[in-house]
Amino acid sequence: MATLTINGQPLPSPYKDVEFIIETMVNSGRNANGTVVGEVVGRDNYKVNNLEWRGLDAAEVSRILSLLQNFYITAKIPDPVTNGWKTIAMYPGNRTAKPLTGWVDDEGKPTRYEYLKVNIIDCGVI
């Protein structure tokens, strides 16, 4: 997969199964005949789902999580609509880092991780 960037910093290639979700928000309801009536609100919003990295060392996990510690991030992602790149304001969802059993330093801190997982979600800024 192409390289995503967060705040201008490249991320390693994800493990697999990344999904690009495109959401069209609609202000809608139904009229007296049961027909959907509404209109598009804003622009399409993007979510990069199932970002996962495997076997990273502690320094790389720390680097990625540091890039994601602010609520608002600037992400450059592949855009499946245009087959180009899209740079947008996003925010990270839950971040999960699972240490590899037995991979610890003298102080008991993890030195390698089985995986790091995160989703990044469009802020909807127009």
C-alpha atoms as a PDB file:
ATOM      1  CA  MET A   1       0.000   0.000   0.000  1.00  0.00           C
ATOM      2  CA  ALA A   2       1.074   3.573  -0.566  1.00  0.00           C
ATOM      3  CA  THR A   3       2.572   5.488   2.322  1.00  0.00           C
ATOM      4  CA  LEU A   4       0.226   7.467   4.538  1.00  0.00           C
ATOM      5  CA  THR A   5       1.586  10.494   6.333  1.00  0.00           C
ATOM      6  CA  ILE A   6       0.558  12.069   9.614  1.00  0.00           C
ATOM      7  CA  ASN A   7       1.593  15.688  10.133  1.00  0.00           C
ATOM      8  CA  GLY A   8       4.026  15.256   7.235  1.00  0.00           C
ATOM      9  CA  GLN A   9       5.703  12.175   8.742  1.00  0.00           C
ATOM     10  CA  PRO A  10       5.481   8.891   6.798  1.00  0.00           C
ATOM     11  CA  LEU A  11       4.027   5.831   8.483  1.00  0.00           C
ATOM     12  CA  PRO A  12       5.299   2.319   7.813  1.00  0.00           C
ATOM     13  CA  SER A  13       3.243   0.237   5.407  1.00  0.00           C
ATOM     14  CA  PRO A  14       0.252  -1.239   7.241  1.00  0.00           C
ATOM     15  CA  TYR A  15       0.051  -4.981   7.813  1.00  0.00           C
ATOM     16  CA  LYS A  16      -3.099  -5.705   5.748  1.00  0.00           C
ATOM     17  CA  ASP A  17      -6.832  -5.188   5.324  1.00  0.00           C
ATOM     18  CA  VAL A  18      -6.888  -1.382   5.458  1.00  0.00           C
ATOM     19  CA  GLU A  19     -10.297  -0.038   4.523  1.00  0.00           C
ATOM     20  CA  PHE A  20     -11.164   3.383   3.145  1.00  0.00           C
ATOM     21  CA  ILE A  21     -14.694   4.252   4.187  1.00  0.00           C
ATOM     22  CA  ILE A  22     -16.405   7.186   2.460  1.00  0.00           C
ATOM     23  CA  GLU A  23     -19.482   8.538   4.202  1.00  0.00           C
ATOM     24  CA  THR A  24     -21.996  10.867   2.574  1.00  0.00           C
ATOM     25  CA  MET A  25     -23.928  12.678   5.278  1.00  0.00           C
ATOM     26  CA  VAL A  26     -27.538  13.441   4.472  1.00  0.00           C
ATOM     27  CA  ASN A  27     -30.084  15.586   6.272  1.00  0.00           C
ATOM     28  CA  SER A  28     -33.052  13.352   5.586  1.00  0.00           C
ATOM     29  CA  GLY A  29     -36.414  12.150   6.649  1.00  0.00           C
ATOM     30  CA  ARG A  30     -39.539  10.791   5.009  1.00  0.00           C
ATOM     31  CA  ASN A  31     -42.531  12.698   3.709  1.00  0.00           C
ATOM     32  CA  ALA A  32     -46.197  11.743   4.175  1.00  0.00           C
ATOM     33  CA  ASN A  33     -45.889   9.222   1.298  1.00  0.00           C
ATOM     34  CA  GLY A  34     -42.921   7.496   2.938  1.00  0.00           C
ATOM     35  CA  THR A  35     -40.478   8.796   0.316  1.00  0.00           C
ATOM     36  CA  VAL A  36     -37.025   9.743   1.530  1.00  0.00           C
ATOM     37  CA  VAL A  37     -36.469  13.469   1.235  1.00  0.00           C
ATOM     38  CA  GLY A  38     -33.231  15.187   2.091  1.00  0.00           C
ATOM     39  CA  GLU A  39     -30.059  16.731   0.878  1.00  0.00           C
ATOM     40  CA  VAL A  40     -26.346  16.150   1.195  1.00  0.00           C
ATOM     41  CA  VAL A  41     -24.841  17.990   4.153  1.00  0.00           C
ATOM     42  CA  GLY A  42     -21.256  19.163   3.718  1.00  0.00           C
ATOM     43  CA  ARG A  43     -18.863  16.956   1.805  1.00  0.00           C
ATOM     44  CA  ASP A  44     -18.059  13.264   1.845  1.00  0.00           C
ATOM     45  CA  ASN A  45     -16.122  12.230   4.948  1.00  0.00           C
ATOM     46  CA  TYR A  46     -13.328   9.667   5.009  1.00  0.00           C
ATOM     47  CA  LYS A  47     -12.266   7.074   7.535  1.00  0.00           C
ATOM     48  CA  VAL A  48      -9.135   4.955   7.294  1.00  0.00           C
ATOM     49  CA  ASN A  49     -10.221   1.797   9.067  1.00  0.00           C
ATOM     50  CA  ASN A  50      -8.142  -1.140  10.321  1.00  0.00           C
ATOM     51  CA  LEU A  51      -4.710   0.474  10.214  1.00  0.00           C
ATOM     52  CA  GLU A  52      -2.505  -2.198  11.759  1.00  0.00           C
ATOM     53  CA  TRP A  53       1.221  -2.724  11.999  1.00  0.00           C
ATOM     54  CA  ARG A  54       2.902  -5.941  13.174  1.00  0.00           C
ATOM     55  CA  GLY A  55       6.241  -6.603  14.838  1.00  0.00           C
ATOM     56  CA  LEU A  56       7.290  -3.001  15.410  1.00  0.00           C
ATOM     57  CA  ASP A  57       9.965  -2.125  17.939  1.00  0.00           C
ATOM     58  CA  ALA A  58       9.122   0.104  20.895  1.00  0.00           C
ATOM     59  CA  ALA A  59      10.739   3.193  19.336  1.00  0.00           C
ATOM     60  CA  GLU A  60       8.560   2.977  16.186  1.00  0.00           C
ATOM     61  CA  VAL A  61       5.383   2.363  18.204  1.00  0.00           C
ATOM     62  CA  SER A  62       6.252   5.398  20.328  1.00  0.00           C
ATOM     63  CA  ARG A  63       6.919   7.508  17.199  1.00  0.00           C
ATOM     64  CA  ILE A  64       3.559   6.612  15.631  1.00  0.00           C
ATOM     65  CA  LEU A  65       1.619   7.121  18.870  1.00  0.00           C
ATOM     66  CA  SER A  66       3.350  10.488  19.372  1.00  0.00           C
ATOM     67  CA  LEU A  67       2.125  11.564  15.929  1.00  0.00           C
ATOM     68  CA  LEU A  68      -1.402  10.620  17.010  1.00  0.00           C
ATOM     69  CA  GLN A  69      -1.435  12.181  20.470  1.00  0.00           C
ATOM     70  CA  ASN A  70      -3.081  15.442  19.417  1.00  0.00           C
ATOM     71  CA  PHE A  71      -6.793  15.266  18.707  1.00  0.00           C
ATOM     72  CA  TYR A  72      -6.454  16.954  15.317  1.00  0.00           C
ATOM     73  CA  ILE A  73      -3.909  15.613  12.856  1.00  0.00           C
ATOM     74  CA  THR A  74      -3.197  16.336   9.209  1.00  0.00           C
ATOM     75  CA  ALA A  75      -3.285  13.110   7.224  1.00  0.00           C
ATOM     76  CA  LYS A  76      -2.314  12.484   3.618  1.00  0.00           C
ATOM     77  CA  ILE A  77      -4.213   9.416   2.466  1.00  0.00           C
ATOM     78  CA  PRO A  78      -4.875   7.648  -0.831  1.00  0.00           C
ATOM     79  CA  ASP A  79      -8.230   8.772  -2.224  1.00  0.00           C
ATOM     80  CA  PRO A  80     -10.070   5.890  -3.908  1.00  0.00           C
ATOM     81  CA  VAL A  81     -12.498   8.365  -5.521  1.00  0.00           C
ATOM     82  CA  THR A  82      -9.851  10.257  -7.519  1.00  0.00           C
ATOM     83  CA  ASN A  83      -7.080   7.632  -7.420  1.00  0.00           C
ATOM     84  CA  GLY A  84      -4.902  10.432  -6.099  1.00  0.00           C
ATOM     85  CA  TRP A  85      -3.986  11.810  -2.689  1.00  0.00           C
ATOM     86  CA  LYS A  86      -6.155  13.693  -0.214  1.00  0.00           C
ATOM     87  CA  THR A  87      -4.775  15.795   2.638  1.00  0.00           C
ATOM     88  CA  ILE A  88      -7.387  16.363   5.329  1.00  0.00           C
ATOM     89  CA  ALA A  89      -7.845  17.111   9.022  1.00  0.00           C
ATOM     90  CA  MET A  90      -8.545  13.872  10.864  1.00  0.00           C
ATOM     91  CA  TYR A  91      -8.547  12.557  14.406  1.00  0.00           C
ATOM     92  CA  PRO A  92      -7.374   9.185  15.725  1.00  0.00           C
ATOM     93  CA  GLY A  93      -9.773   6.690  17.223  1.00  0.00           C
ATOM     94  CA  ASN A  94      -8.709   4.243  19.917  1.00  0.00           C
ATOM     95  CA  ARG A  95      -5.098   3.145  19.715  1.00  0.00           C
ATOM     96  CA  THR A  96      -4.191  -0.417  20.725  1.00  0.00           C
ATOM     97  CA  ALA A  97      -0.592  -1.565  21.220  1.00  0.00           C
ATOM     98  CA  LYS A  98      -0.048  -5.192  22.275  1.00  0.00           C
ATOM     99  CA  PRO A  99       3.470  -5.972  23.555  1.00  0.00           C
ATOM    100  CA  LEU A 100       5.094  -9.220  22.491  1.00  0.00           C
ATOM    101  CA  THR A 101       5.395 -11.591  25.439  1.00  0.00           C
ATOM    102  CA  GLY A 102       8.962 -11.886  26.683  1.00  0.00           C
ATOM    103  CA  TRP A 103      10.297  -8.893  24.749  1.00  0.00           C
ATOM    104  CA  VAL A 104      11.188  -6.558  27.618  1.00  0.00           C
ATOM    105  CA  ASP A 105      14.221  -4.565  28.676  1.00  0.00           C
ATOM    106  CA  ASP A 106      15.977  -4.689  32.076  1.00  0.00           C
ATOM    107  CA  GLU A 107      13.307  -2.392  33.527  1.00  0.00           C
ATOM    108  CA  GLY A 108      10.434  -4.574  32.300  1.00  0.00           C
ATOM    109  CA  LYS A 109       9.338  -2.180  29.529  1.00  0.00           C
ATOM    110  CA  PRO A 110       8.285  -3.692  26.174  1.00  0.00           C
ATOM    111  CA  THR A 111      10.906  -3.653  23.411  1.00  0.00           C
ATOM    112  CA  ARG A 112       8.736  -5.109  20.620  1.00  0.00           C
ATOM    113  CA  TYR A 113       5.022  -5.147  19.925  1.00  0.00           C
ATOM    114  CA  GLU A 114       2.877  -7.841  18.370  1.00  0.00           C
ATOM    115  CA  TYR A 115       0.688  -5.148  16.844  1.00  0.00           C
ATOM    116  CA  LEU A 116      -0.381  -1.517  16.871  1.00  0.00           C
ATOM    117  CA  LYS A 117      -3.910  -0.688  15.656  1.00  0.00           C
ATOM    118  CA  VAL A 118      -5.704   2.601  15.011  1.00  0.00           C
ATOM    119  CA  ASN A 119      -8.442   4.164  12.885  1.00  0.00           C
ATOM    120  CA  ILE A 120      -8.258   7.751  11.678  1.00  0.00           C
ATOM    121  CA  ILE A 121     -11.475   9.661  11.085  1.00  0.00           C
ATOM    122  CA  ASP A 122     -12.226  12.767   9.018  1.00  0.00           C
ATOM    123  CA  CYS A 123     -12.998  15.905  11.039  1.00  0.00           C
ATOM    124  CA  GLY A 124     -15.350  17.113   8.296  1.00  0.00           C
ATOM    125  CA  VAL A 125     -13.635  20.464   7.853  1.00  0.00           C
ATOM    126  CA  ILE A 126     -14.699  21.964   4.534  1.00  0.00           C
END
